[in-house]
Protein backbone atom coordinates (compact mmCIF):
# COMPACT_ATOMS: atom_id res chain seq x y z
CA MET A 1 -42.75 101.32 126.69
CA GLY A 2 -45.76 103.57 127.19
CA LEU A 3 -45.96 106.76 129.12
CA LYS A 4 -46.92 106.73 132.78
CA ASP A 5 -50.10 108.52 133.86
CA GLU A 6 -48.05 111.17 135.67
CA GLU A 7 -46.10 111.96 132.50
CA ILE A 8 -49.29 112.23 130.47
CA ILE A 9 -50.89 114.45 133.11
CA GLU A 10 -47.88 116.78 132.98
CA ARG A 11 -48.11 116.99 129.20
CA LEU A 12 -51.86 117.54 129.23
CA MET A 13 -51.52 120.25 131.89
CA GLU A 14 -49.13 122.09 129.54
CA GLU A 15 -50.92 121.43 126.24
CA ASN A 16 -54.63 121.15 127.00
CA THR A 17 -56.49 124.10 128.55
CA SER A 18 -59.62 122.03 129.16
CA PHE A 19 -57.66 119.33 131.00
CA ARG A 20 -55.83 121.97 133.04
CA GLN A 21 -59.16 123.53 134.08
CA MET A 22 -60.55 120.11 135.05
CA LYS A 23 -57.46 119.33 137.11
CA LEU A 24 -57.58 122.68 138.92
CA GLN A 25 -61.30 122.29 139.61
CA HIS A 26 -60.69 118.75 140.91
CA LEU A 27 -58.06 120.13 143.30
CA GLU A 28 -60.49 122.84 144.44
CA TYR A 29 -63.18 120.24 145.20
CA GLU A 30 -60.59 118.22 147.11
CA LYS A 31 -59.64 121.26 149.19
CA GLN A 32 -63.29 122.03 149.95
CA LEU A 33 -63.88 118.42 151.00
CA GLU A 34 -60.84 118.49 153.27
CA ASP A 35 -62.15 121.65 154.92
CA TYR A 36 -65.53 120.02 155.61
CA LEU A 37 -63.97 116.80 156.85
CA LYS A 38 -61.81 118.68 159.36
CA LYS A 39 -64.96 119.62 161.22
CA SER A 40 -66.06 117.42 164.10
CA TYR A 41 -69.73 117.86 163.16
CA LEU A 42 -71.48 118.54 159.87
CA THR A 43 -74.96 119.95 159.60
CA PRO A 44 -77.37 118.15 157.25
CA ALA A 45 -76.77 120.88 154.65
CA GLU A 46 -73.00 120.43 154.97
CA GLN A 47 -73.40 116.66 154.64
CA GLN A 48 -75.35 117.21 151.42
CA GLU A 49 -72.65 119.55 150.16
CA VAL A 50 -69.95 116.96 150.93
CA HIS A 51 -71.94 114.36 148.99
CA ARG A 52 -72.38 116.77 146.05
CA LEU A 53 -68.67 117.67 146.03
CA LYS A 54 -67.68 113.99 146.07
CA LYS A 55 -69.91 113.29 143.07
CA MET A 56 -68.59 116.28 141.13
CA LYS A 57 -64.98 115.41 141.98
CA LEU A 58 -65.50 111.83 140.81
CA ALA A 59 -67.13 112.99 137.56
CA LEU A 60 -64.12 115.21 136.85
CA LYS A 61 -61.73 112.38 137.65
CA ASP A 62 -63.56 110.14 135.17
CA LYS A 63 -63.30 112.84 132.48
CA MET A 64 -59.60 113.35 133.18
CA TYR A 65 -58.86 109.61 132.95
CA LYS A 66 -60.72 109.49 129.64
CA GLU A 67 -58.49 112.32 128.39
CA ILE A 68 -55.42 110.40 129.63
CA ALA A 69 -56.57 107.23 127.85
CA ASP A 70 -57.27 109.17 124.64
CA TYR A 71 -53.84 110.80 124.82
CA ARG A 72 -52.19 107.41 125.35
CA LYS A 73 -54.00 105.98 122.30
CA ARG A 74 -52.92 108.94 120.15
CA GLU A 75 -49.30 108.58 121.27
CA GLU A 76 -49.24 104.83 120.67
CA GLY A 77 -50.78 105.29 117.24
CA ALA A 78 -48.28 107.97 116.24
């Protein structure tokens, strides 16, 4: 049976500096978004920043899932 995503993420966090940096940056974007979304009103500039952060967070998530898929393929092929 194959590894679960959580198990692969744990391994990549330990073994892969690039993945670890992406994960930490993703968490930072998430924290920034949470801070903005706690506000009852966002200025137009803040709304733009929220949109930008969402796009960047999604791009990182896509990269991380590609790394997870690549890791899974390597493990299954081993």
